[in-house]
Amino acid sequence: MVASVAKLARDLRLFRETPLILSAPISAIVGKDVYIKLDALQASGSFKDRGMAHLCHDLKCKGTVRVISSSGGNAGLAVATVGRQLGLHVSVIVPETTKSLVIEKLKSLQANVTVHGANWNEADKFARELVEVDTTAAYISPYDHPLLWTGHSTVVDEIFDELDGNVGCIIASVGGGGLICGVLEGLARHSSSEGGENSTVVITAETEGAASFGESWQRGTLVRLDAIKSIATSLGALEVTPVALERARAHQEAGGLVHSAICTDSEAVNACVEFSRDHRILVEPACGAALAVAYIPRLRDQFLSNIDGPIVIEVCGGSGVSIELLSFWKKEFLSDD
């Protein structure tokens, strides 16, 4: 069923099968084969096209003509990108922290944009209220829906196909938990088809001040942050979906490992800068958190020294970045560079 749904979404070009390439520069730093999965090349600029393709197509088939989403940027852009292809009317509620660059991109995709609230949680509350009033519209969560997770799980299918199932580790950033839920779903599906073996190490990556998953994972219970105190606003959910913790525990019970890596804003920005030099691709600090696990010596030594097999970094992307913004972040956080 998953394979047929994913194939349909691909056939409709609602998301793309993205390149998986061996990164010579990062492999040299780590001392092991490191592959980068380039979901920054999705049409909207991030991995979120995968999940939104599944959810929006399902809603369209059920007769929905209008969708309302809340987003710090990337999810809204994915809804607008996919929704436009499907002929849906898209409204996106963004918090005040959203970059003007993202708002302009949303408008260019013909989305109706409303700025509301100091953070994503306040914007999301307003989006849900609008759907309650407008019964013709459907609410779309940026990360908390089974069809989103199933869509995101296709990244694992592509990785396993390319590497013939030989994957030692997958590194992925965590915001609200949609991507990691998808990664874990994909790994569970492949381990089931291979007799239950599930040895792939999963490393979740976040920045300090936005580590809702990391703090929850360390404490063993769901933790709600008081506020987002990080430049990586795309990771800005005060509370990760509980399903992320449930699936992480299930992955470990099946024989895999889950590690939480938390970096500073400066380390995330440094990783973005180094990645732009090595691969000529711009990504947000939220994605830089995953790259930092390889680029930053203290994280690399802690998390990658004992990995057996190819390492894959999910380059989830992000559209809230430009050459000017990256230069600004570099000056602000890497003044000694």
C-alpha atoms as a PDB file:
ATOM      1  CA  MET A   1       0.000   0.000   0.000  1.00  0.00           C
ATOM      2  CA  VAL A   2       2.766   2.446   0.950  1.00  0.00           C
ATOM      3  CA  ALA A   3       4.696   1.665  -2.209  1.00  0.00           C
ATOM      4  CA  SER A   4       1.632   2.208  -4.438  1.00  0.00           C
ATOM      5  CA  VAL A   5       0.725   5.512  -2.764  1.00  0.00           C
ATOM      6  CA  ALA A   6       4.307   6.742  -3.027  1.00  0.00           C
ATOM      7  CA  LYS A   7       4.511   5.705  -6.679  1.00  0.00           C
ATOM      8  CA  LEU A   8       1.285   7.571  -7.441  1.00  0.00           C
ATOM      9  CA  ALA A   9       2.586  10.718  -5.774  1.00  0.00           C
ATOM     10  CA  ARG A  10       5.858  10.422  -7.712  1.00  0.00           C
ATOM     11  CA  ASP A  11       4.068   9.735 -10.996  1.00  0.00           C
ATOM     12  CA  LEU A  12       2.065  12.921 -10.468  1.00  0.00           C
ATOM     13  CA  ARG A  13       5.383  14.733  -9.827  1.00  0.00           C
ATOM     14  CA  LEU A  14       4.151  15.950  -6.460  1.00  0.00           C
ATOM     15  CA  PHE A  15       7.582  15.208  -5.020  1.00  0.00           C
ATOM     16  CA  ARG A  16      10.917  14.137  -6.434  1.00  0.00           C
ATOM     17  CA  GLU A  17      13.259  11.235  -5.949  1.00  0.00           C
ATOM     18  CA  THR A  18      16.341  13.146  -4.858  1.00  0.00           C
ATOM     19  CA  PRO A  19      20.031  12.366  -5.416  1.00  0.00           C
ATOM     20  CA  LEU A  20      22.038  10.409  -2.858  1.00  0.00           C
ATOM     21  CA  ILE A  21      25.704  11.151  -3.410  1.00  0.00           C
ATOM     22  CA  LEU A  22      28.918  10.142  -1.719  1.00  0.00           C
ATOM     23  CA  SER A  23      30.385  13.322  -0.223  1.00  0.00           C
ATOM     24  CA  ALA A  24      34.140  13.234  -0.683  1.00  0.00           C
ATOM     25  CA  PRO A  25      34.750  16.317   1.541  1.00  0.00           C
ATOM     26  CA  ILE A  26      32.614  15.079   4.452  1.00  0.00           C
ATOM     27  CA  SER A  27      33.861  11.505   4.098  1.00  0.00           C
ATOM     28  CA  ALA A  28      37.425  12.804   4.401  1.00  0.00           C
ATOM     29  CA  ILE A  29      36.556  14.651   7.604  1.00  0.00           C
ATOM     30  CA  VAL A  30      34.738  11.718   9.186  1.00  0.00           C
ATOM     31  CA  GLY A  31      37.093   9.013   7.919  1.00  0.00           C
ATOM     32  CA  LYS A  32      34.184   6.896   6.683  1.00  0.00           C
ATOM     33  CA  ASP A  33      31.833   6.890   3.715  1.00  0.00           C
ATOM     34  CA  VAL A  34      29.295   9.664   4.203  1.00  0.00           C
ATOM     35  CA  TYR A  35      26.418  10.102   1.776  1.00  0.00           C
ATOM     36  CA  ILE A  36      24.215  13.175   1.535  1.00  0.00           C
ATOM     37  CA  LYS A  37      20.530  12.815   0.628  1.00  0.00           C
ATOM     38  CA  LEU A  38      19.714  16.048  -1.169  1.00  0.00           C
ATOM     39  CA  ASP A  39      16.115  16.838  -0.269  1.00  0.00           C
ATOM     40  CA  ALA A  40      17.067  20.502  -0.446  1.00  0.00           C
ATOM     41  CA  LEU A  41      16.444  19.944  -4.162  1.00  0.00           C
ATOM     42  CA  GLN A  42      12.723  19.297  -3.723  1.00  0.00           C
ATOM     43  CA  ALA A  43      10.573  21.853  -5.548  1.00  0.00           C
ATOM     44  CA  SER A  44       9.701  23.806  -2.394  1.00  0.00           C
ATOM     45  CA  GLY A  45      13.255  23.603  -1.063  1.00  0.00           C
ATOM     46  CA  SER A  46      12.770  20.975   1.642  1.00  0.00           C
ATOM     47  CA  PHE A  47      11.901  17.343   2.346  1.00  0.00           C
ATOM     48  CA  LYS A  48       8.362  18.379   3.311  1.00  0.00           C
ATOM     49  CA  ASP A  49       7.146  17.964  -0.269  1.00  0.00           C
ATOM     50  CA  ARG A  50       7.172  14.210   0.362  1.00  0.00           C
ATOM     51  CA  GLY A  51       4.633  14.242   3.168  1.00  0.00           C
ATOM     52  CA  MET A  52       2.539  17.065   1.762  1.00  0.00           C
ATOM     53  CA  ALA A  53       2.247  15.202  -1.542  1.00  0.00           C
ATOM     54  CA  HIS A  54       0.586  12.295   0.250  1.00  0.00           C
ATOM     55  CA  LEU A  55      -1.664  14.326   2.524  1.00  0.00           C
ATOM     56  CA  CYS A  56      -2.779  16.935  -0.012  1.00  0.00           C
ATOM     57  CA  HIS A  57      -3.454  14.314  -2.682  1.00  0.00           C
ATOM     58  CA  ASP A  58      -5.557  12.314  -0.214  1.00  0.00           C
ATOM     59  CA  LEU A  59      -7.568  15.420   0.698  1.00  0.00           C
ATOM     60  CA  LYS A  60      -8.039  16.308  -2.973  1.00  0.00           C
ATOM     61  CA  CYS A  61      -9.377  12.808  -3.682  1.00  0.00           C
ATOM     62  CA  LYS A  62     -11.862  13.265  -0.829  1.00  0.00           C
ATOM     63  CA  GLY A  63     -13.219  16.470  -2.376  1.00  0.00           C
ATOM     64  CA  THR A  64     -11.310  19.118  -0.423  1.00  0.00           C
ATOM     65  CA  VAL A  65     -10.855  22.372  -2.340  1.00  0.00           C
ATOM     66  CA  ARG A  66      -9.247  24.575   0.322  1.00  0.00           C
ATOM     67  CA  VAL A  67      -6.562  23.877   2.919  1.00  0.00           C
ATOM     68  CA  ILE A  68      -5.296  25.939   5.853  1.00  0.00           C
ATOM     69  CA  SER A  69      -1.856  25.273   7.275  1.00  0.00           C
ATOM     70  CA  SER A  70       0.323  26.748   9.996  1.00  0.00           C
ATOM     71  CA  SER A  71       4.028  26.972   9.374  1.00  0.00           C
ATOM     72  CA  GLY A  72       7.311  28.588  10.270  1.00  0.00           C
ATOM     73  CA  GLY A  73       8.088  28.446   6.558  1.00  0.00           C
ATOM     74  CA  ASN A  74       9.027  25.106   5.022  1.00  0.00           C
ATOM     75  CA  ALA A  75       5.747  23.257   5.587  1.00  0.00           C
ATOM     76  CA  GLY A  76       3.778  26.195   4.260  1.00  0.00           C
ATOM     77  CA  LEU A  77       5.940  26.340   1.153  1.00  0.00           C
ATOM     78  CA  ALA A  78       5.451  22.604   0.617  1.00  0.00           C
ATOM     79  CA  VAL A  79       1.660  22.928   0.975  1.00  0.00           C
ATOM     80  CA  ALA A  80       1.655  25.875  -1.408  1.00  0.00           C
ATOM     81  CA  THR A  81       3.857  24.056  -3.923  1.00  0.00           C
ATOM     82  CA  VAL A  82       1.917  20.794  -3.891  1.00  0.00           C
ATOM     83  CA  GLY A  83      -1.475  22.439  -3.437  1.00  0.00           C
ATOM     84  CA  ARG A  84      -0.935  24.621  -6.480  1.00  0.00           C
ATOM     85  CA  GLN A  85      -0.211  21.527  -8.588  1.00  0.00           C
ATOM     86  CA  LEU A  86      -3.426  19.933  -7.332  1.00  0.00           C
ATOM     87  CA  GLY A  87      -5.552  23.037  -7.823  1.00  0.00           C
ATOM     88  CA  LEU A  88      -6.193  23.570  -4.107  1.00  0.00           C
ATOM     89  CA  HIS A  89      -6.713  26.983  -2.525  1.00  0.00           C
ATOM     90  CA  VAL A  90      -3.991  27.349   0.111  1.00  0.00           C
ATOM     91  CA  SER A  91      -3.908  29.593   3.178  1.00  0.00           C
ATOM     92  CA  VAL A  92      -0.852  29.628   5.424  1.00  0.00           C
ATOM     93  CA  ILE A  93      -0.690  31.140   8.912  1.00  0.00           C
ATOM     94  CA  VAL A  94       2.890  32.059   9.819  1.00  0.00           C
ATOM     95  CA  PRO A  95       4.274  33.426  13.109  1.00  0.00           C
ATOM     96  CA  GLU A  96       5.931  36.825  13.438  1.00  0.00           C
ATOM     97  CA  THR A  97       9.369  35.162  13.412  1.00  0.00           C
ATOM     98  CA  THR A  98       8.921  34.105   9.782  1.00  0.00           C
ATOM     99  CA  LYS A  99      11.459  35.662   7.424  1.00  0.00           C
ATOM    100  CA  SER A 100      10.170  38.088   4.796  1.00  0.00           C
ATOM    101  CA  LEU A 101      11.969  35.947   2.221  1.00  0.00           C
ATOM    102  CA  VAL A 102       9.661  33.027   3.043  1.00  0.00           C
ATOM    103  CA  ILE A 103       6.523  35.173   3.053  1.00  0.00           C
ATOM    104  CA  GLU A 104       7.338  36.504  -0.405  1.00  0.00           C
ATOM    105  CA  LYS A 105       7.919  32.960  -1.688  1.00  0.00           C
ATOM    106  CA  LEU A 106       4.563  31.875  -0.282  1.00  0.00           C
ATOM    107  CA  LYS A 107       2.813  34.754  -2.005  1.00  0.00           C
ATOM    108  CA  SER A 108       4.590  33.975  -5.288  1.00  0.00           C
ATOM    109  CA  LEU A 109       3.015  30.513  -5.083  1.00  0.00           C
ATOM    110  CA  GLN A 110      -0.421  32.199  -4.823  1.00  0.00           C
ATOM    111  CA  ALA A 111      -0.915  31.231  -1.181  1.00  0.00           C
ATOM    112  CA  ASN A 112      -2.963  33.475   1.085  1.00  0.00           C
ATOM    113  CA  VAL A 113      -0.596  34.432   3.915  1.00  0.00           C
ATOM    114  CA  THR A 114      -1.556  35.652   7.390  1.00  0.00           C
ATOM    115  CA  VAL A 115       1.025  36.619  10.021  1.00  0.00           C
ATOM    116  CA  HIS A 116      -0.188  35.767  13.505  1.00  0.00           C
ATOM    117  CA  GLY A 117       1.431  35.033  16.860  1.00  0.00           C
ATOM    118  CA  ALA A 118       4.856  35.228  18.447  1.00  0.00           C
ATOM    119  CA  ASN A 119       5.678  31.604  17.627  1.00  0.00           C
ATOM    120  CA  TRP A 120       4.483  28.662  15.554  1.00  0.00           C
ATOM    121  CA  ASN A 121       2.243  27.307  18.331  1.00  0.00           C
ATOM    122  CA  GLU A 122       0.221  30.544  18.378  1.00  0.00           C
ATOM    123  CA  ALA A 123      -0.019  30.545  14.578  1.00  0.00           C
ATOM    124  CA  ASP A 124      -1.168  26.923  14.657  1.00  0.00           C
ATOM    125  CA  LYS A 125      -3.882  27.666  17.224  1.00  0.00           C
ATOM    126  CA  PHE A 126      -5.230  30.398  14.943  1.00  0.00           C
ATOM    127  CA  ALA A 127      -5.143  28.096  11.897  1.00  0.00           C
ATOM    128  CA  ARG A 128      -7.211  25.501  13.741  1.00  0.00           C
ATOM    129  CA  GLU A 129      -9.711  28.170  14.785  1.00  0.00           C
ATOM    130  CA  LEU A 130     -10.117  29.268  11.162  1.00  0.00           C
ATOM    131  CA  VAL A 131     -10.880  25.710  10.069  1.00  0.00           C
ATOM    132  CA  GLU A 132     -13.554  25.423  12.769  1.00  0.00           C
ATOM    133  CA  VAL A 133     -15.264  28.485  11.287  1.00  0.00           C
ATOM    134  CA  ASP A 134     -14.794  27.515   7.641  1.00  0.00           C
ATOM    135  CA  THR A 135     -16.229  24.018   7.269  1.00  0.00           C
ATOM    136  CA  THR A 136     -15.193  23.879   3.588  1.00  0.00           C
ATOM    137  CA  ALA A 137     -11.500  23.977   4.525  1.00  0.00           C
ATOM    138  CA  ALA A 138      -9.226  21.212   5.810  1.00  0.00           C
ATOM    139  CA  TYR A 139      -6.507  21.762   8.377  1.00  0.00           C
ATOM    140  CA  ILE A 140      -2.976  20.629   7.504  1.00  0.00           C
ATOM    141  CA  SER A 141      -0.438  20.142  10.269  1.00  0.00           C
ATOM    142  CA  PRO A 142       3.183  20.867   9.347  1.00  0.00           C
ATOM    143  CA  TYR A 143       4.347  17.618  10.945  1.00  0.00           C
ATOM    144  CA  ASP A 144       1.716  15.720  12.950  1.00  0.00           C
ATOM    145  CA  HIS A 145      -0.245  13.424  10.621  1.00  0.00           C
ATOM    146  CA  PRO A 146       0.242   9.741   9.634  1.00  0.00           C
ATOM    147  CA  LEU A 147       0.147  10.523   5.901  1.00  0.00           C
ATOM    148  CA  LEU A 148       2.925  13.072   6.356  1.00  0.00           C
ATOM    149  CA  TRP A 149       5.057  10.456   8.094  1.00  0.00           C
ATOM    150  CA  THR A 150       4.359   7.900   5.387  1.00  0.00           C
ATOM    151  CA  GLY A 151       5.337  10.436   2.737  1.00  0.00           C
ATOM    152  CA  HIS A 152       8.571  11.256   4.543  1.00  0.00           C
ATOM    153  CA  SER A 153       9.333   7.548   4.921  1.00  0.00           C
ATOM    154  CA  THR A 154       9.947   7.359   1.168  1.00  0.00           C
ATOM    155  CA  VAL A 155      13.348   8.936   1.776  1.00  0.00           C
ATOM    156  CA  VAL A 156      14.386   5.683   3.480  1.00  0.00           C
ATOM    157  CA  ASP A 157      13.102   3.622   0.542  1.00  0.00           C
ATOM    158  CA  GLU A 158      15.300   5.624  -1.808  1.00  0.00           C
ATOM    159  CA  ILE A 159      18.347   5.397   0.479  1.00  0.00           C
ATOM    160  CA  PHE A 160      18.003   1.626   0.900  1.00  0.00           C
ATOM    161  CA  ASP A 161      17.504   1.127  -2.838  1.00  0.00           C
ATOM    162  CA  GLU A 162      20.681   3.082  -3.608  1.00  0.00           C
ATOM    163  CA  LEU A 163      22.800   1.381  -0.937  1.00  0.00           C
ATOM    164  CA  ASP A 164      21.277  -2.100  -1.243  1.00  0.00           C
ATOM    165  CA  GLY A 165      20.060  -1.956   2.353  1.00  0.00           C
ATOM    166  CA  ASN A 166      23.558  -1.376   3.737  1.00  0.00           C
ATOM    167  CA  VAL A 167      22.985   1.692   5.933  1.00  0.00           C
ATOM    168  CA  GLY A 168      24.943   2.127   9.126  1.00  0.00           C
ATOM    169  CA  CYS A 169      23.471   5.416  10.254  1.00  0.00           C
ATOM    170  CA  ILE A 170      20.936   8.063   9.253  1.00  0.00           C
ATOM    171  CA  ILE A 171      21.283  11.598  10.628  1.00  0.00           C
ATOM    172  CA  ALA A 172      18.190  13.826  10.502  1.00  0.00           C
ATOM    173  CA  SER A 173      17.130  17.116  12.047  1.00  0.00           C
ATOM    174  CA  VAL A 174      14.076  17.188  14.307  1.00  0.00           C
ATOM    175  CA  GLY A 175      11.577  20.013  14.689  1.00  0.00           C
ATOM    176  CA  GLY A 176       8.050  18.872  15.419  1.00  0.00           C
ATOM    177  CA  GLY A 177       9.012  15.300  14.602  1.00  0.00           C
ATOM    178  CA  GLY A 178       7.498  14.675  11.179  1.00  0.00           C
ATOM    179  CA  LEU A 179      10.753  13.786   9.449  1.00  0.00           C
ATOM    180  CA  ILE A 180      12.045  11.512  12.201  1.00  0.00           C
ATOM    181  CA  CYS A 181       8.670   9.750  12.378  1.00  0.00           C
ATOM    182  CA  GLY A 182       9.005   9.109   8.643  1.00  0.00           C
ATOM    183  CA  VAL A 183      12.595   7.883   8.915  1.00  0.00           C
ATOM    184  CA  LEU A 184      11.673   5.494  11.713  1.00  0.00           C
ATOM    185  CA  GLU A 185       8.596   4.289   9.807  1.00  0.00           C
ATOM    186  CA  GLY A 186      10.726   3.589   6.768  1.00  0.00           C
ATOM    187  CA  LEU A 187      13.317   1.697   8.805  1.00  0.00           C
ATOM    188  CA  ALA A 188      10.600  -0.368  10.492  1.00  0.00           C
ATOM    189  CA  ARG A 189       9.108  -1.241   7.121  1.00  0.00           C
ATOM    190  CA  HIS A 190      12.453  -2.401   5.730  1.00  0.00           C
ATOM    191  CA  SER A 191      13.367  -4.372   8.840  1.00  0.00           C
ATOM    192  CA  SER A 192       9.988  -6.123   8.656  1.00  0.00           C
ATOM    193  CA  SER A 193      10.651  -7.161   5.057  1.00  0.00           C
ATOM    194  CA  GLU A 194      14.103  -8.423   6.069  1.00  0.00           C
ATOM    195  CA  GLY A 195      12.968 -10.632   8.928  1.00  0.00           C
ATOM    196  CA  GLY A 196      12.891  -8.093  11.748  1.00  0.00           C
ATOM    197  CA  GLU A 197      16.559  -7.048  11.848  1.00  0.00           C
ATOM    198  CA  ASN A 198      16.855  -3.308  12.475  1.00  0.00           C
ATOM    199  CA  SER A 199      20.433  -2.328  13.230  1.00  0.00           C
ATOM    200  CA  THR A 200      20.586   1.128  11.635  1.00  0.00           C
ATOM    201  CA  VAL A 201      21.650   3.859  14.036  1.00  0.00           C
ATOM    202  CA  VAL A 202      19.456   6.968  13.975  1.00  0.00           C
ATOM    203  CA  ILE A 203      20.936  10.274  15.131  1.00  0.00           C
ATOM    204  CA  THR A 204      18.491  13.098  15.735  1.00  0.00           C
ATOM    205  CA  ALA A 205      19.900  16.608  15.425  1.00  0.00           C
ATOM    206  CA  GLU A 206      18.684  19.844  17.025  1.00  0.00           C
ATOM    207  CA  THR A 207      20.012  23.171  18.225  1.00  0.00           C
ATOM    208  CA  GLU A 208      20.132  24.353  21.815  1.00  0.00           C
ATOM    209  CA  GLY A 209      16.957  26.297  22.544  1.00  0.00           C
ATOM    210  CA  ALA A 210      14.887  24.227  20.103  1.00  0.00           C
ATOM    211  CA  ALA A 211      15.629  20.688  21.317  1.00  0.00           C
ATOM    212  CA  SER A 212      12.134  19.504  22.215  1.00  0.00           C
ATOM    213  CA  PHE A 213      12.901  15.938  21.088  1.00  0.00           C
ATOM    214  CA  GLY A 214      16.356  15.798  22.688  1.00  0.00           C
ATOM    215  CA  GLU A 215      15.145  16.947  26.087  1.00  0.00           C
ATOM    216  CA  SER A 216      12.202  14.552  25.924  1.00  0.00           C
ATOM    217  CA  TRP A 217      14.429  11.662  24.863  1.00  0.00           C
ATOM    218  CA  GLN A 218      16.920  12.327  27.660  1.00  0.00           C
ATOM    219  CA  ARG A 219      14.209  12.550  30.324  1.00  0.00           C
ATOM    220  CA  GLY A 220      12.146   9.683  29.000  1.00  0.00           C
ATOM    221  CA  THR A 221       8.949  11.713  28.887  1.00  0.00           C
ATOM    222  CA  LEU A 222       7.397  14.411  26.717  1.00  0.00           C
ATOM    223  CA  VAL A 223       8.858  17.849  27.482  1.00  0.00           C
ATOM    224  CA  ARG A 224       7.323  21.156  26.405  1.00  0.00           C
ATOM    225  CA  LEU A 225       9.762  24.035  25.948  1.00  0.00           C
ATOM    226  CA  ASP A 226       8.941  27.442  27.412  1.00  0.00           C
ATOM    227  CA  ALA A 227      10.089  29.218  24.257  1.00  0.00           C
ATOM    228  CA  ILE A 228      12.206  28.757  21.141  1.00  0.00           C
ATOM    229  CA  LYS A 229      15.612  30.302  21.788  1.00  0.00           C
ATOM    230  CA  SER A 230      17.490  29.433  18.629  1.00  0.00           C
ATOM    231  CA  ILE A 231      18.221  30.862  15.205  1.00  0.00           C
ATOM    232  CA  ALA A 232      16.909  27.577  13.799  1.00  0.00           C
ATOM    233  CA  THR A 233      13.292  28.709  13.817  1.00  0.00           C
ATOM    234  CA  SER A 234      12.330  25.876  11.441  1.00  0.00           C
ATOM    235  CA  LEU A 235      12.878  23.581  14.436  1.00  0.00           C
ATOM    236  CA  GLY A 236      10.559  25.785  16.431  1.00  0.00           C
ATOM    237  CA  ALA A 237       7.916  23.442  17.826  1.00  0.00           C
ATOM    238  CA  LEU A 238       7.642  23.797  21.575  1.00  0.00           C
ATOM    239  CA  GLU A 239       6.684  20.141  21.819  1.00  0.00           C
ATOM    240  CA  VAL A 240       7.577  17.214  19.573  1.00  0.00           C
ATOM    241  CA  THR A 241       4.821  14.813  18.527  1.00  0.00           C
ATOM    242  CA  PRO A 242       4.596  11.933  21.048  1.00  0.00           C
ATOM    243  CA  VAL A 243       4.747   9.501  18.131  1.00  0.00           C
ATOM    244  CA  ALA A 244       8.401  10.435  17.575  1.00  0.00           C
ATOM    245  CA  LEU A 245       9.272   9.165  21.055  1.00  0.00           C
ATOM    246  CA  GLU A 246       7.125   6.058  20.629  1.00  0.00           C
ATOM    247  CA  ARG A 247       8.770   5.147  17.337  1.00  0.00           C
ATOM    248  CA  ALA A 248      12.262   5.890  18.668  1.00  0.00           C
ATOM    249  CA  ARG A 249      11.649   3.502  21.567  1.00  0.00           C
ATOM    250  CA  ALA A 250      10.266   0.882  19.171  1.00  0.00           C
ATOM    251  CA  HIS A 251      13.351   1.221  16.976  1.00  0.00           C
ATOM    252  CA  GLN A 252      15.601   0.497  19.937  1.00  0.00           C
ATOM    253  CA  GLU A 253      13.457  -2.423  21.034  1.00  0.00           C
ATOM    254  CA  ALA A 254      13.875  -3.854  17.518  1.00  0.00           C
ATOM    255  CA  GLY A 255      17.672  -3.740  17.826  1.00  0.00           C
ATOM    256  CA  GLY A 256      18.540  -0.281  16.534  1.00  0.00           C
ATOM    257  CA  LEU A 257      19.942   2.706  18.371  1.00  0.00           C
ATOM    258  CA  VAL A 258      18.698   6.287  18.647  1.00  0.00           C
ATOM    259  CA  HIS A 259      21.044   9.068  19.745  1.00  0.00           C
ATOM    260  CA  SER A 260      20.171  12.729  20.311  1.00  0.00           C
ATOM    261  CA  ALA A 261      22.770  15.254  19.137  1.00  0.00           C
ATOM    262  CA  ILE A 262      22.345  18.884  20.179  1.00  0.00           C
ATOM    263  CA  CYS A 263      24.539  21.644  18.766  1.00  0.00           C
ATOM    264  CA  THR A 264      24.824  25.383  19.328  1.00  0.00           C
ATOM    265  CA  ASP A 265      23.530  27.946  16.859  1.00  0.00           C
ATOM    266  CA  SER A 266      27.109  28.825  15.922  1.00  0.00           C
ATOM    267  CA  GLU A 267      27.895  25.167  15.220  1.00  0.00           C
ATOM    268  CA  ALA A 268      24.803  24.860  13.008  1.00  0.00           C
ATOM    269  CA  VAL A 269      25.747  28.015  11.101  1.00  0.00           C
ATOM    270  CA  ASN A 270      29.333  26.805  10.766  1.00  0.00           C
ATOM    271  CA  ALA A 271      28.066  23.562   9.241  1.00  0.00           C
ATOM    272  CA  CYS A 272      25.901  25.531   6.772  1.00  0.00           C
ATOM    273  CA  VAL A 273      28.916  27.597   5.726  1.00  0.00           C
ATOM    274  CA  GLU A 274      31.191  24.569   5.337  1.00  0.00           C
ATOM    275  CA  PHE A 275      28.530  22.689   3.388  1.00  0.00           C
ATOM    276  CA  SER A 276      28.064  25.634   1.021  1.00  0.00           C
ATOM    277  CA  ARG A 277      31.806  25.605   0.382  1.00  0.00           C
ATOM    278  CA  ASP A 278      31.983  21.855  -0.122  1.00  0.00           C
ATOM    279  CA  HIS A 279      28.806  21.342  -2.167  1.00  0.00           C
ATOM    280  CA  ARG A 280      27.667  24.790  -3.349  1.00  0.00           C
ATOM    281  CA  ILE A 281      24.219  24.324  -1.785  1.00  0.00           C
ATOM    282  CA  LEU A 282      22.570  26.698   0.708  1.00  0.00           C
ATOM    283  CA  VAL A 283      20.636  25.265   3.648  1.00  0.00           C
ATOM    284  CA  GLU A 284      19.047  26.656   6.806  1.00  0.00           C
ATOM    285  CA  PRO A 285      20.581  26.308  10.286  1.00  0.00           C
ATOM    286  CA  ALA A 286      17.831  23.763  11.025  1.00  0.00           C
ATOM    287  CA  CYS A 287      19.445  21.541   8.402  1.00  0.00           C
ATOM    288  CA  GLY A 288      22.868  22.661   9.576  1.00  0.00           C
ATOM    289  CA  ALA A 289      22.155  20.877  12.863  1.00  0.00           C
ATOM    290  CA  ALA A 290      22.265  17.519  11.045  1.00  0.00           C
ATOM    291  CA  LEU A 291      25.370  18.497   9.099  1.00  0.00           C
ATOM    292  CA  ALA A 292      27.038  19.643  12.320  1.00  0.00           C
ATOM    293  CA  VAL A 293      27.150  16.033  13.540  1.00  0.00           C
ATOM    294  CA  ALA A 294      29.775  15.439  10.833  1.00  0.00           C
ATOM    295  CA  TYR A 295      31.412  18.859  10.593  1.00  0.00           C
ATOM    296  CA  ILE A 296      31.860  19.662  14.306  1.00  0.00           C
ATOM    297  CA  PRO A 297      34.710  17.673  15.942  1.00  0.00           C
ATOM    298  CA  ARG A 298      33.079  17.175  19.369  1.00  0.00           C
ATOM    299  CA  LEU A 299      29.856  15.823  17.819  1.00  0.00           C
ATOM    300  CA  ARG A 300      31.695  13.758  15.225  1.00  0.00           C
ATOM    301  CA  ASP A 301      33.850  12.112  17.890  1.00  0.00           C
ATOM    302  CA  GLN A 302      30.872  11.454  20.153  1.00  0.00           C
ATOM    303  CA  PHE A 303      28.426  10.061  17.639  1.00  0.00           C
ATOM    304  CA  LEU A 304      30.216   8.767  14.523  1.00  0.00           C
ATOM    305  CA  SER A 305      33.355   7.042  15.749  1.00  0.00           C
ATOM    306  CA  ASN A 306      31.663   3.675  16.276  1.00  0.00           C
ATOM    307  CA  ILE A 307      29.329   3.610  13.275  1.00  0.00           C
ATOM    308  CA  ASP A 308      29.649   0.453  11.197  1.00  0.00           C
ATOM    309  CA  GLY A 309      28.562   1.002   7.607  1.00  0.00           C
ATOM    310  CA  PRO A 310      27.731   3.992   5.392  1.00  0.00           C
ATOM    311  CA  ILE A 311      26.543   7.173   7.080  1.00  0.00           C
ATOM    312  CA  VAL A 312      23.684   9.105   5.458  1.00  0.00           C
ATOM    313  CA  ILE A 313      22.915  12.733   6.273  1.00  0.00           C
ATOM    314  CA  GLU A 314      19.416  13.852   5.333  1.00  0.00           C
ATOM    315  CA  VAL A 315      20.010  17.308   3.850  1.00  0.00           C
ATOM    316  CA  CYS A 316      16.467  18.414   4.560  1.00  0.00           C
ATOM    317  CA  GLY A 317      17.046  21.872   3.067  1.00  0.00           C
ATOM    318  CA  GLY A 318      14.972  24.871   3.980  1.00  0.00           C
ATOM    319  CA  SER A 319      13.861  27.898   1.996  1.00  0.00           C
ATOM    320  CA  GLY A 320      14.541  30.558   4.628  1.00  0.00           C
ATOM    321  CA  VAL A 321      18.097  31.076   3.432  1.00  0.00           C
ATOM    322  CA  SER A 322      19.930  33.216   0.906  1.00  0.00           C
ATOM    323  CA  ILE A 323      23.528  34.227   0.245  1.00  0.00           C
ATOM    324  CA  GLU A 324      22.867  37.451   2.134  1.00  0.00           C
ATOM    325  CA  LEU A 325      21.376  35.664   5.149  1.00  0.00           C
ATOM    326  CA  LEU A 326      24.179  33.110   5.282  1.00  0.00           C
ATOM    327  CA  SER A 327      26.717  35.938   5.179  1.00  0.00           C
ATOM    328  CA  PHE A 328      24.868  37.706   7.990  1.00  0.00           C
ATOM    329  CA  TRP A 329      24.768  34.562  10.134  1.00  0.00           C
ATOM    330  CA  LYS A 330      28.448  33.999   9.451  1.00  0.00           C
ATOM    331  CA  LYS A 331      29.315  37.494  10.688  1.00  0.00           C
ATOM    332  CA  GLU A 332      27.055  37.164  13.736  1.00  0.00           C
ATOM    333  CA  PHE A 333      28.130  33.695  14.863  1.00  0.00           C
ATOM    334  CA  LEU A 334      31.533  33.153  13.277  1.00  0.00           C
ATOM    335  CA  SER A 335      33.223  36.515  13.768  1.00  0.00           C
ATOM    336  CA  ASP A 336      36.634  34.875  14.142  1.00  0.00           C
ATOM    337  CA  ASP A 337      36.310  32.937  10.886  1.00  0.00           C
END
